[in-house]
């Protein structure tokens, strides 16, 4: 049991990644599938392209992007990851898609990651560099929905654009770092999809 499976569906593209935790020199397998609304019908088939179901008992850990992102897509992969973690009794890392973007972009100072929702406002979270944190990024303020007419707090801003499969590689790196740090608990019960719905004003 040494494999790490990562799932990311906070955008219309599904990202799947597999990493051998006991062989860090081996490159991870990553793939992106442009499924759109076909995610619910093709999710399992896409996962099996990288990791056939008969090999799932060799999993040692799971990771899933929790959003913000599309409600249905994010919810589907989070539910699947929770179910697998429960049935296989595995640790599950739930990591914000914004944290993955911040790590990929290599932010050097506290930065607001922002995603505009038409007719609703802006979802924004604050992330800063932290060499001691998994992925070397620390979530300083969790993503929340700001009203369309509200001003975000002062500070640098970055468009929270999901890029797959690159963000899946970040998800694998975050989870592998937690495993290497000895974080073997990571209970599946605490992993929930992040979809801010109540706007706040500054």
N, C-alpha and C. Protein backbone atom coordinates (compact mmCIF):
# COMPACT_ATOMS: atom_id res chain seq x y z
N UNK A 1 0.85 -1.19 0.00
CA UNK A 1 0.00 0.00 0.00
C UNK A 1 0.88 1.24 0.00
N UNK A 2 1.05 1.85 -1.16
CA UNK A 2 1.95 2.99 -1.24
C UNK A 2 1.47 4.08 -2.18
N UNK A 3 0.32 3.89 -2.82
CA UNK A 3 -0.10 4.84 -3.84
C UNK A 3 -0.98 5.96 -3.26
N UNK A 4 -0.80 7.14 -3.82
CA UNK A 4 -1.61 8.31 -3.50
C UNK A 4 -2.45 8.65 -4.72
N UNK A 5 -3.76 8.77 -4.54
CA UNK A 5 -4.68 9.14 -5.61
C UNK A 5 -5.23 10.53 -5.32
N UNK A 6 -5.14 11.42 -6.32
CA UNK A 6 -5.62 12.79 -6.17
C UNK A 6 -6.69 13.09 -7.21
N UNK A 7 -7.75 13.79 -6.78
CA UNK A 7 -8.87 14.13 -7.66
C UNK A 7 -9.14 15.63 -7.58
N UNK A 8 -9.37 16.25 -8.74
CA UNK A 8 -9.61 17.70 -8.80
C UNK A 8 -10.68 17.96 -9.85
N UNK A 9 -11.82 18.48 -9.42
CA UNK A 9 -12.90 18.78 -10.37
C UNK A 9 -13.57 20.11 -10.03
N UNK A 10 -12.77 21.09 -9.60
CA UNK A 10 -13.32 22.40 -9.27
C UNK A 10 -13.51 23.28 -10.50
N UNK A 11 -13.31 22.71 -11.67
CA UNK A 11 -13.55 23.39 -12.94
C UNK A 11 -14.23 22.38 -13.86
N UNK A 12 -14.62 22.75 -15.08
CA UNK A 12 -15.23 21.76 -15.98
C UNK A 12 -14.28 20.64 -16.41
N UNK A 13 -13.00 20.76 -16.05
CA UNK A 13 -12.02 19.74 -16.39
C UNK A 13 -11.73 18.89 -15.16
N UNK A 14 -11.75 17.57 -15.32
CA UNK A 14 -11.41 16.65 -14.23
C UNK A 14 -9.92 16.36 -14.26
N UNK A 15 -9.26 16.52 -13.14
CA UNK A 15 -7.86 16.16 -13.03
C UNK A 15 -7.70 14.95 -12.13
N UNK A 16 -6.88 14.00 -12.57
CA UNK A 16 -6.61 12.78 -11.80
C UNK A 16 -5.09 12.60 -11.73
N UNK A 17 -4.59 12.26 -10.55
CA UNK A 17 -3.16 12.03 -10.39
C UNK A 17 -2.88 10.85 -9.50
N UNK A 18 -1.81 10.14 -9.79
CA UNK A 18 -1.38 8.99 -8.99
C UNK A 18 0.11 9.12 -8.73
N UNK A 19 0.51 8.91 -7.47
CA UNK A 19 1.91 9.04 -7.07
C UNK A 19 2.26 7.88 -6.14
N UNK A 20 3.45 7.31 -6.35
CA UNK A 20 3.96 6.26 -5.45
C UNK A 20 4.71 6.93 -4.31
N UNK A 21 4.15 6.89 -3.12
CA UNK A 21 4.75 7.58 -1.97
C UNK A 21 6.08 6.96 -1.55
N UNK A 22 6.30 5.70 -1.91
CA UNK A 22 7.54 5.02 -1.52
C UNK A 22 8.64 5.15 -2.56
N UNK A 23 8.33 5.79 -3.68
CA UNK A 23 9.31 5.97 -4.75
C UNK A 23 9.25 7.41 -5.23
N UNK A 24 9.81 8.34 -4.45
CA UNK A 24 9.70 9.76 -4.80
C UNK A 24 10.41 10.13 -6.10
N UNK A 25 11.31 9.27 -6.57
CA UNK A 25 12.02 9.56 -7.82
C UNK A 25 11.18 9.24 -9.06
N UNK A 26 10.11 8.49 -8.85
CA UNK A 26 9.24 8.13 -9.97
C UNK A 26 8.27 9.28 -10.25
N UNK A 27 8.17 9.67 -11.51
CA UNK A 27 7.28 10.77 -11.88
C UNK A 27 5.83 10.37 -11.65
N UNK A 28 5.00 11.30 -11.16
CA UNK A 28 3.58 10.98 -10.97
C UNK A 28 2.87 10.84 -12.30
N UNK A 29 1.79 10.08 -12.29
CA UNK A 29 0.91 10.00 -13.45
C UNK A 29 -0.19 11.04 -13.27
N UNK A 30 -0.37 11.90 -14.25
CA UNK A 30 -1.42 12.90 -14.17
C UNK A 30 -2.14 12.98 -15.51
N UNK A 31 -3.43 13.29 -15.44
CA UNK A 31 -4.22 13.41 -16.66
C UNK A 31 -5.36 14.39 -16.43
N UNK A 32 -5.80 15.02 -17.51
CA UNK A 32 -6.92 15.96 -17.46
C UNK A 32 -7.96 15.52 -18.48
N UNK A 33 -9.22 15.57 -18.06
CA UNK A 33 -10.33 15.12 -18.90
C UNK A 33 -11.36 16.25 -18.98
N UNK A 34 -11.60 16.75 -20.18
CA UNK A 34 -12.58 17.82 -20.36
C UNK A 34 -13.97 17.19 -20.47
N UNK A 35 -14.63 17.10 -19.32
CA UNK A 35 -15.90 16.38 -19.24
C UNK A 35 -17.11 17.30 -19.20
N UNK A 36 -16.95 18.51 -18.67
CA UNK A 36 -18.10 19.38 -18.52
C UNK A 36 -19.18 18.72 -17.68
N UNK A 37 -20.38 18.67 -18.21
CA UNK A 37 -21.50 18.07 -17.46
C UNK A 37 -21.50 16.55 -17.52
N UNK A 38 -20.55 15.97 -18.22
CA UNK A 38 -20.47 14.51 -18.29
C UNK A 38 -19.70 13.89 -17.14
N UNK A 39 -19.29 14.72 -16.17
CA UNK A 39 -18.48 14.21 -15.07
C UNK A 39 -19.16 13.07 -14.32
N UNK A 40 -20.44 13.22 -14.01
CA UNK A 40 -21.11 12.22 -13.19
C UNK A 40 -21.12 10.85 -13.86
N UNK A 41 -21.15 10.82 -15.20
CA UNK A 41 -21.20 9.55 -15.91
C UNK A 41 -19.82 8.97 -16.20
N UNK A 42 -18.78 9.82 -16.22
CA UNK A 42 -17.47 9.35 -16.66
C UNK A 42 -16.39 9.40 -15.58
N UNK A 43 -16.74 9.83 -14.38
CA UNK A 43 -15.76 10.00 -13.31
C UNK A 43 -14.99 8.72 -13.04
N UNK A 44 -15.68 7.63 -12.79
CA UNK A 44 -15.00 6.39 -12.44
C UNK A 44 -14.16 5.86 -13.60
N UNK A 45 -14.68 5.98 -14.83
CA UNK A 45 -13.94 5.49 -15.99
C UNK A 45 -12.63 6.26 -16.16
N UNK A 46 -12.66 7.56 -15.91
CA UNK A 46 -11.44 8.37 -16.03
C UNK A 46 -10.42 7.98 -14.98
N UNK A 47 -10.88 7.75 -13.76
CA UNK A 47 -9.95 7.33 -12.70
C UNK A 47 -9.31 6.00 -13.07
N UNK A 48 -10.11 5.10 -13.62
CA UNK A 48 -9.59 3.78 -13.95
C UNK A 48 -8.60 3.81 -15.10
N UNK A 49 -8.59 4.88 -15.89
CA UNK A 49 -7.58 5.01 -16.93
C UNK A 49 -6.18 5.09 -16.33
N UNK A 50 -6.09 5.71 -15.15
CA UNK A 50 -4.80 5.81 -14.47
C UNK A 50 -4.61 4.73 -13.42
N UNK A 51 -5.70 4.36 -12.75
CA UNK A 51 -5.60 3.38 -11.67
C UNK A 51 -6.82 2.47 -11.70
N UNK A 52 -6.69 1.29 -12.33
CA UNK A 52 -7.82 0.35 -12.41
C UNK A 52 -8.36 0.00 -11.02
N UNK A 53 -9.64 -0.27 -10.95
CA UNK A 53 -10.30 -0.51 -9.66
C UNK A 53 -9.66 -1.65 -8.88
N UNK A 54 -9.15 -2.66 -9.58
CA UNK A 54 -8.55 -3.79 -8.86
C UNK A 54 -7.27 -3.39 -8.10
N UNK A 55 -6.72 -2.20 -8.43
CA UNK A 55 -5.53 -1.74 -7.73
C UNK A 55 -5.86 -0.76 -6.60
N UNK A 56 -7.12 -0.43 -6.42
CA UNK A 56 -7.48 0.51 -5.37
C UNK A 56 -7.09 0.03 -3.98
N UNK A 57 -7.10 -1.28 -3.71
CA UNK A 57 -6.64 -1.72 -2.38
C UNK A 57 -5.17 -1.42 -2.11
N UNK A 58 -4.38 -1.03 -3.14
CA UNK A 58 -2.98 -0.67 -2.91
C UNK A 58 -2.82 0.80 -2.54
N UNK A 59 -3.94 1.52 -2.47
CA UNK A 59 -3.87 2.93 -2.09
C UNK A 59 -3.46 3.09 -0.63
N UNK A 60 -2.63 4.10 -0.37
CA UNK A 60 -2.22 4.41 0.99
C UNK A 60 -2.80 5.73 1.46
N UNK A 61 -3.23 6.58 0.51
CA UNK A 61 -3.71 7.92 0.87
C UNK A 61 -4.51 8.49 -0.28
N UNK A 62 -5.41 9.41 0.04
CA UNK A 62 -6.24 10.08 -0.96
C UNK A 62 -6.16 11.59 -0.77
N UNK A 63 -6.34 12.33 -1.86
CA UNK A 63 -6.39 13.78 -1.79
C UNK A 63 -7.44 14.28 -2.76
N UNK A 64 -8.13 15.35 -2.36
CA UNK A 64 -9.18 15.90 -3.22
C UNK A 64 -9.20 17.42 -3.09
N UNK A 65 -9.41 18.09 -4.22
CA UNK A 65 -9.58 19.54 -4.20
C UNK A 65 -11.00 19.85 -3.74
N UNK A 66 -11.12 20.71 -2.74
CA UNK A 66 -12.43 20.96 -2.13
C UNK A 66 -13.12 22.21 -2.68
N UNK A 67 -12.49 22.91 -3.63
CA UNK A 67 -13.07 24.13 -4.17
C UNK A 67 -12.39 25.35 -3.56
N UNK A 68 -12.92 26.52 -3.82
CA UNK A 68 -14.15 26.85 -4.54
C UNK A 68 -14.10 26.43 -6.01
N UNK A 69 -15.28 26.21 -6.53
CA UNK A 69 -15.42 25.81 -7.92
C UNK A 69 -16.85 25.46 -8.19
N UNK A 70 -17.10 24.80 -9.31
CA UNK A 70 -18.44 24.38 -9.64
C UNK A 70 -19.02 23.48 -8.56
N UNK A 71 -20.24 23.76 -8.14
CA UNK A 71 -20.83 23.03 -7.01
C UNK A 71 -20.96 21.54 -7.29
N UNK A 72 -21.54 21.18 -8.42
CA UNK A 72 -21.80 19.76 -8.70
C UNK A 72 -20.51 18.99 -8.90
N UNK A 73 -19.59 19.53 -9.71
CA UNK A 73 -18.34 18.82 -9.98
C UNK A 73 -17.51 18.61 -8.73
N UNK A 74 -17.34 19.67 -7.94
CA UNK A 74 -16.56 19.56 -6.71
C UNK A 74 -17.20 18.58 -5.75
N UNK A 75 -18.50 18.66 -5.62
CA UNK A 75 -19.22 17.78 -4.69
C UNK A 75 -19.04 16.31 -5.08
N UNK A 76 -19.10 16.00 -6.38
CA UNK A 76 -18.99 14.61 -6.82
C UNK A 76 -17.66 13.99 -6.43
N UNK A 77 -16.55 14.70 -6.68
CA UNK A 77 -15.26 14.11 -6.36
C UNK A 77 -15.02 14.07 -4.85
N UNK A 78 -15.53 15.06 -4.12
CA UNK A 78 -15.39 15.02 -2.67
C UNK A 78 -16.16 13.83 -2.09
N UNK A 79 -17.37 13.60 -2.57
CA UNK A 79 -18.17 12.46 -2.10
C UNK A 79 -17.47 11.15 -2.42
N UNK A 80 -16.95 11.03 -3.64
CA UNK A 80 -16.25 9.79 -4.01
C UNK A 80 -15.01 9.60 -3.14
N UNK A 81 -14.23 10.66 -2.94
CA UNK A 81 -13.03 10.54 -2.13
C UNK A 81 -13.38 10.17 -0.68
N UNK A 82 -14.41 10.75 -0.14
CA UNK A 82 -14.84 10.42 1.22
C UNK A 82 -15.27 8.95 1.32
N UNK A 83 -16.00 8.49 0.31
CA UNK A 83 -16.47 7.11 0.30
C UNK A 83 -15.30 6.13 0.24
N UNK A 84 -14.35 6.40 -0.66
CA UNK A 84 -13.18 5.52 -0.76
C UNK A 84 -12.38 5.53 0.54
N UNK A 85 -12.19 6.71 1.12
CA UNK A 85 -11.43 6.80 2.36
C UNK A 85 -12.11 6.04 3.49
N UNK A 86 -13.43 6.11 3.53
CA UNK A 86 -14.17 5.39 4.57
C UNK A 86 -14.07 3.89 4.36
N UNK A 87 -14.33 3.44 3.14
CA UNK A 87 -14.36 2.00 2.87
C UNK A 87 -12.98 1.35 2.94
N UNK A 88 -11.96 2.08 2.49
CA UNK A 88 -10.60 1.53 2.49
C UNK A 88 -9.81 1.91 3.74
N UNK A 89 -10.45 2.73 4.61
CA UNK A 89 -9.84 3.17 5.86
C UNK A 89 -8.50 3.86 5.59
N UNK A 90 -8.58 4.92 4.79
CA UNK A 90 -7.39 5.66 4.39
C UNK A 90 -7.48 7.12 4.84
N UNK A 91 -6.34 7.78 5.06
CA UNK A 91 -6.36 9.21 5.32
C UNK A 91 -6.76 9.96 4.05
N UNK A 92 -7.48 11.05 4.23
CA UNK A 92 -7.95 11.87 3.10
C UNK A 92 -7.59 13.32 3.35
N UNK A 93 -6.84 13.90 2.43
CA UNK A 93 -6.48 15.31 2.50
C UNK A 93 -7.43 16.12 1.62
N UNK A 94 -8.15 17.06 2.21
CA UNK A 94 -8.97 17.99 1.45
C UNK A 94 -8.26 19.33 1.36
N UNK A 95 -7.96 19.78 0.16
CA UNK A 95 -7.15 20.97 -0.03
C UNK A 95 -7.86 21.94 -0.97
N UNK A 96 -7.92 23.20 -0.60
CA UNK A 96 -8.58 24.22 -1.41
C UNK A 96 -7.94 24.34 -2.78
N UNK A 97 -8.76 24.47 -3.80
CA UNK A 97 -8.23 24.69 -5.15
C UNK A 97 -7.48 26.00 -5.23
N UNK A 98 -7.85 26.99 -4.39
CA UNK A 98 -7.14 28.27 -4.37
C UNK A 98 -5.72 28.08 -3.82
N UNK A 99 -5.55 27.24 -2.80
CA UNK A 99 -4.22 26.98 -2.25
C UNK A 99 -3.32 26.33 -3.30
N UNK A 100 -3.90 25.47 -4.12
CA UNK A 100 -3.14 24.82 -5.18
C UNK A 100 -2.67 25.84 -6.22
N UNK A 101 -3.55 26.79 -6.54
CA UNK A 101 -3.19 27.85 -7.50
C UNK A 101 -2.08 28.72 -6.92
N UNK A 102 -2.20 29.08 -5.64
CA UNK A 102 -1.19 29.91 -5.00
C UNK A 102 0.17 29.23 -5.02
N UNK A 103 0.19 27.93 -4.77
CA UNK A 103 1.45 27.18 -4.80
C UNK A 103 2.02 27.14 -6.20
N UNK A 104 1.16 26.88 -7.18
CA UNK A 104 1.64 26.82 -8.57
C UNK A 104 2.22 28.15 -9.02
N UNK A 105 1.59 29.25 -8.61
CA UNK A 105 2.05 30.58 -9.03
C UNK A 105 3.26 31.07 -8.25
N UNK A 106 3.61 30.36 -7.17
CA UNK A 106 4.79 30.74 -6.39
C UNK A 106 4.70 32.11 -5.77
N UNK A 107 3.57 32.40 -5.11
CA UNK A 107 3.40 33.72 -4.51
C UNK A 107 4.50 33.98 -3.48
N UNK A 108 4.96 35.24 -3.41
CA UNK A 108 6.06 35.60 -2.52
C UNK A 108 5.62 36.50 -1.37
N UNK A 109 4.33 36.85 -1.34
CA UNK A 109 3.78 37.69 -0.29
C UNK A 109 2.30 37.37 -0.15
N UNK A 110 1.67 37.74 0.97
CA UNK A 110 0.23 37.47 1.12
C UNK A 110 -0.55 38.04 -0.07
N UNK A 111 -1.33 37.18 -0.69
CA UNK A 111 -2.02 37.53 -1.94
C UNK A 111 -3.46 37.03 -1.90
N UNK A 112 -4.37 37.87 -2.39
CA UNK A 112 -5.77 37.46 -2.51
C UNK A 112 -5.98 36.71 -3.82
N UNK A 113 -6.47 35.49 -3.72
CA UNK A 113 -6.88 34.73 -4.89
C UNK A 113 -8.35 35.01 -5.14
N UNK A 114 -8.71 35.44 -6.34
CA UNK A 114 -10.06 35.94 -6.61
C UNK A 114 -10.70 35.22 -7.79
N UNK A 115 -11.97 34.92 -7.63
CA UNK A 115 -12.77 34.29 -8.70
C UNK A 115 -14.11 35.02 -8.79
N UNK A 116 -14.38 35.63 -9.95
CA UNK A 116 -15.63 36.37 -10.13
C UNK A 116 -16.76 35.43 -10.49
N UNK A 117 -17.88 35.58 -9.77
CA UNK A 117 -19.09 34.82 -10.07
C UNK A 117 -20.11 35.80 -10.68
N UNK A 118 -20.46 35.63 -11.93
CA UNK A 118 -21.39 36.57 -12.58
C UNK A 118 -22.67 36.75 -11.76
N UNK A 119 -23.05 38.01 -11.56
CA UNK A 119 -24.30 38.40 -10.88
C UNK A 119 -24.31 38.05 -9.39
N UNK A 120 -23.18 37.58 -8.85
CA UNK A 120 -23.17 37.21 -7.43
C UNK A 120 -22.09 37.91 -6.64
N UNK A 121 -20.93 38.14 -7.23
CA UNK A 121 -19.85 38.77 -6.49
C UNK A 121 -18.53 38.12 -6.80
N UNK A 122 -17.62 38.21 -5.83
CA UNK A 122 -16.26 37.68 -6.00
C UNK A 122 -15.93 36.76 -4.83
N UNK A 123 -15.48 35.54 -5.14
CA UNK A 123 -14.97 34.65 -4.10
C UNK A 123 -13.48 34.91 -3.97
N UNK A 124 -13.02 35.20 -2.75
CA UNK A 124 -11.62 35.53 -2.53
C UNK A 124 -11.11 34.92 -1.24
N UNK A 125 -9.87 34.46 -1.27
CA UNK A 125 -9.19 33.93 -0.09
C UNK A 125 -7.77 34.46 -0.07
N UNK A 126 -7.19 34.54 1.12
CA UNK A 126 -5.86 35.11 1.28
C UNK A 126 -4.85 34.01 1.56
N UNK A 127 -3.75 34.02 0.77
CA UNK A 127 -2.73 32.98 0.86
C UNK A 127 -1.35 33.63 0.93
N UNK A 128 -0.48 33.03 1.74
CA UNK A 128 0.87 33.56 1.87
C UNK A 128 1.89 32.44 1.85
N UNK A 129 3.15 32.78 1.53
CA UNK A 129 4.20 31.76 1.50
C UNK A 129 4.57 31.31 2.92
N UNK A 130 4.83 30.02 3.07
CA UNK A 130 5.24 29.48 4.36
C UNK A 130 6.05 28.21 4.10
N UNK A 131 7.39 28.28 4.19
CA UNK A 131 8.22 27.11 3.88
C UNK A 131 7.92 25.91 4.75
N UNK A 132 7.33 26.13 5.93
CA UNK A 132 7.06 25.02 6.84
C UNK A 132 5.72 24.34 6.56
N UNK A 133 4.89 24.93 5.73
CA UNK A 133 3.56 24.38 5.47
C UNK A 133 3.59 23.42 4.28
N UNK A 134 2.69 22.44 4.25
CA UNK A 134 2.59 21.59 3.06
C UNK A 134 2.36 22.42 1.81
N UNK A 135 3.13 22.16 0.76
CA UNK A 135 3.01 22.95 -0.45
C UNK A 135 3.65 24.31 -0.34
N UNK A 136 4.23 24.62 0.85
CA UNK A 136 4.89 25.90 1.12
C UNK A 136 3.94 27.09 0.98
N UNK A 137 2.66 26.83 1.17
CA UNK A 137 1.64 27.89 1.12
C UNK A 137 0.71 27.73 2.32
N UNK A 138 0.39 28.86 2.95
CA UNK A 138 -0.50 28.85 4.10
C UNK A 138 -1.76 29.65 3.78
N UNK A 139 -2.92 29.04 4.05
CA UNK A 139 -4.19 29.75 3.87
C UNK A 139 -4.41 30.66 5.07
N UNK A 140 -4.31 31.97 4.86
CA UNK A 140 -4.45 32.93 5.95
C UNK A 140 -5.90 33.32 6.18
N UNK A 141 -6.70 33.34 5.11
CA UNK A 141 -8.14 33.55 5.23
C UNK A 141 -8.82 32.65 4.21
N UNK A 142 -9.74 31.83 4.67
CA UNK A 142 -10.43 30.90 3.78
C UNK A 142 -11.26 31.66 2.75
N UNK A 143 -11.44 31.10 1.57
CA UNK A 143 -12.24 31.76 0.54
C UNK A 143 -13.66 32.05 1.02
N UNK A 144 -14.14 33.25 0.70
CA UNK A 144 -15.51 33.64 1.04
C UNK A 144 -16.05 34.50 -0.08
N UNK A 145 -17.35 34.66 -0.12
CA UNK A 145 -18.00 35.41 -1.18
C UNK A 145 -18.21 36.85 -0.75
N UNK A 146 -17.62 37.77 -1.52
CA UNK A 146 -17.82 39.20 -1.29
C UNK A 146 -18.91 39.70 -2.23
N UNK A 147 -19.76 40.56 -1.73
CA UNK A 147 -20.82 41.12 -2.55
C UNK A 147 -20.23 41.87 -3.73
N UNK A 148 -21.01 41.95 -4.81
CA UNK A 148 -20.51 42.54 -6.05
C UNK A 148 -20.06 43.98 -5.86
N UNK A 149 -20.68 44.72 -4.93
CA UNK A 149 -20.34 46.13 -4.73
C UNK A 149 -19.36 46.34 -3.58
N UNK A 150 -18.83 45.25 -3.03
CA UNK A 150 -17.90 45.37 -1.90
C UNK A 150 -16.46 45.44 -2.39
N UNK A 151 -15.64 46.18 -1.65
CA UNK A 151 -14.22 46.25 -1.97
C UNK A 151 -13.48 45.17 -1.18
N UNK A 152 -12.57 44.50 -1.86
CA UNK A 152 -11.76 43.51 -1.17
C UNK A 152 -10.75 44.21 -0.26
N UNK A 153 -10.31 43.53 0.80
CA UNK A 153 -9.26 44.11 1.65
C UNK A 153 -8.02 44.43 0.83
N UNK A 154 -7.21 45.36 1.34
CA UNK A 154 -6.01 45.79 0.61
C UNK A 154 -5.03 44.63 0.46
N UNK A 155 -4.29 44.67 -0.63
CA UNK A 155 -3.26 43.66 -0.86
C UNK A 155 -3.24 43.20 -2.30
N UNK A 156 -2.16 42.53 -2.72
CA UNK A 156 -2.08 42.02 -4.09
C UNK A 156 -3.20 41.03 -4.38
N UNK A 157 -3.65 41.03 -5.62
CA UNK A 157 -4.71 40.13 -6.05
C UNK A 157 -4.25 39.31 -7.25
N UNK A 158 -4.75 38.09 -7.34
CA UNK A 158 -4.39 37.18 -8.43
C UNK A 158 -5.64 36.44 -8.87
N UNK A 159 -5.84 36.33 -10.17
CA UNK A 159 -6.99 35.61 -10.70
C UNK A 159 -6.86 34.12 -10.37
N UNK A 160 -7.88 33.56 -9.75
CA UNK A 160 -7.86 32.15 -9.35
C UNK A 160 -8.28 31.28 -10.53
N UNK A 161 -7.37 31.10 -11.47
CA UNK A 161 -7.64 30.31 -12.66
C UNK A 161 -7.10 28.90 -12.48
N UNK A 162 -8.00 27.91 -12.50
CA UNK A 162 -7.58 26.52 -12.39
C UNK A 162 -6.90 26.09 -13.68
N UNK A 163 -5.78 25.40 -13.54
CA UNK A 163 -5.07 24.85 -14.70
C UNK A 163 -4.77 23.39 -14.43
N UNK A 164 -5.32 22.56 -15.27
CA UNK A 164 -5.11 21.12 -15.13
C UNK A 164 -4.38 20.59 -16.36
N UNK A 165 -3.47 19.63 -16.17
CA UNK A 165 -3.22 18.86 -14.94
C UNK A 165 -2.23 19.47 -13.95
N UNK A 166 -1.76 20.71 -14.20
CA UNK A 166 -0.75 21.30 -13.32
C UNK A 166 -1.21 21.36 -11.86
N UNK A 167 -2.48 21.71 -11.64
CA UNK A 167 -2.96 21.83 -10.26
C UNK A 167 -3.10 20.46 -9.59
N UNK A 168 -3.26 19.41 -10.38
CA UNK A 168 -3.27 18.07 -9.80
C UNK A 168 -1.89 17.71 -9.26
N UNK A 169 -0.85 18.14 -9.98
CA UNK A 169 0.50 17.91 -9.49
C UNK A 169 0.72 18.62 -8.17
N UNK A 170 0.17 19.82 -8.02
CA UNK A 170 0.25 20.53 -6.76
C UNK A 170 -0.50 19.79 -5.66
N UNK A 171 -1.66 19.23 -6.00
CA UNK A 171 -2.45 18.47 -5.03
C UNK A 171 -1.68 17.25 -4.55
N UNK A 172 -1.03 16.55 -5.47
CA UNK A 172 -0.19 15.41 -5.09
C UNK A 172 0.94 15.85 -4.16
N UNK A 173 1.56 17.00 -4.49
CA UNK A 173 2.68 17.49 -3.68
C UNK A 173 2.23 17.87 -2.27
N UNK A 174 1.08 18.54 -2.15
CA UNK A 174 0.54 18.89 -0.84
C UNK A 174 0.33 17.63 0.00
N UNK A 175 -0.36 16.65 -0.58
CA UNK A 175 -0.69 15.44 0.18
C UNK A 175 0.55 14.63 0.52
N UNK A 176 1.49 14.53 -0.42
CA UNK A 176 2.73 13.80 -0.15
C UNK A 176 3.52 14.46 0.96
N UNK A 177 3.51 15.80 1.01
CA UNK A 177 4.20 16.52 2.07
C UNK A 177 3.58 16.22 3.42
N UNK A 178 2.27 16.14 3.46
CA UNK A 178 1.60 15.81 4.72
C UNK A 178 1.93 14.38 5.15
N UNK A 179 1.98 13.46 4.18
CA UNK A 179 2.33 12.09 4.50
C UNK A 179 3.76 12.01 5.03
N UNK A 180 4.69 12.73 4.39
CA UNK A 180 6.08 12.72 4.81
C UNK A 180 6.26 13.33 6.20
N UNK A 181 5.36 14.27 6.55
CA UNK A 181 5.43 14.91 7.87
C UNK A 181 4.81 14.04 8.96
N UNK A 182 4.29 12.89 8.57
CA UNK A 182 3.72 11.98 9.55
C UNK A 182 2.28 12.24 9.89
N UNK A 183 1.59 13.01 9.04
CA UNK A 183 0.17 13.30 9.27
C UNK A 183 -0.66 12.12 8.77
N UNK A 184 -0.79 11.12 9.61
CA UNK A 184 -1.49 9.92 9.19
C UNK A 184 -2.96 9.91 9.54
N UNK A 185 -3.43 10.93 10.27
CA UNK A 185 -4.83 10.95 10.69
C UNK A 185 -5.72 11.36 9.51
N UNK A 186 -5.70 12.65 9.16
CA UNK A 186 -6.46 13.18 8.03
C UNK A 186 -7.82 12.50 7.87
N UNK A 187 -8.72 12.66 8.84
CA UNK A 187 -10.02 11.96 8.79
C UNK A 187 -10.89 12.45 7.64
N UNK A 188 -11.57 11.52 7.00
CA UNK A 188 -12.42 11.84 5.86
C UNK A 188 -13.63 12.66 6.29
N UNK A 189 -14.07 12.51 7.54
CA UNK A 189 -15.28 13.20 7.99
C UNK A 189 -15.17 14.72 7.91
N UNK A 190 -13.97 15.25 8.02
CA UNK A 190 -13.80 16.70 8.05
C UNK A 190 -13.63 17.30 6.65
N UNK A 191 -13.58 16.48 5.61
CA UNK A 191 -13.38 16.99 4.25
C UNK A 191 -14.74 17.26 3.61
N UNK A 192 -15.00 18.54 3.32
CA UNK A 192 -16.28 18.96 2.76
C UNK A 192 -16.04 19.89 1.58
N UNK A 193 -16.96 19.91 0.61
CA UNK A 193 -16.80 20.84 -0.53
C UNK A 193 -16.95 22.28 -0.06
N UNK A 194 -16.13 23.14 -0.63
CA UNK A 194 -16.14 24.55 -0.27
C UNK A 194 -16.83 25.32 -1.39
N UNK A 195 -17.98 25.89 -1.06
CA UNK A 195 -18.76 26.63 -2.05
C UNK A 195 -19.44 27.79 -1.36
N UNK A 196 -18.72 28.92 -1.19
CA UNK A 196 -19.28 30.07 -0.46
C UNK A 196 -20.56 30.58 -1.13
N UNK A 197 -21.61 30.76 -0.34
CA UNK A 197 -22.90 31.17 -0.90
C UNK A 197 -23.45 32.45 -0.27
N UNK A 198 -22.93 32.84 0.91
CA UNK A 198 -23.47 34.03 1.59
C UNK A 198 -22.47 35.18 1.47
N UNK A 199 -22.82 36.22 0.70
CA UNK A 199 -21.86 37.32 0.50
C UNK A 199 -21.64 38.10 1.78
N UNK A 200 -20.41 38.62 1.92
CA UNK A 200 -20.08 39.47 3.05
C UNK A 200 -19.63 40.81 2.52
N UNK A 201 -19.75 41.82 3.33
CA UNK A 201 -19.28 43.16 2.95
C UNK A 201 -18.07 43.49 3.80
N UNK A 202 -17.12 44.24 3.23
CA UNK A 202 -15.92 44.61 3.98
C UNK A 202 -16.24 45.73 4.96
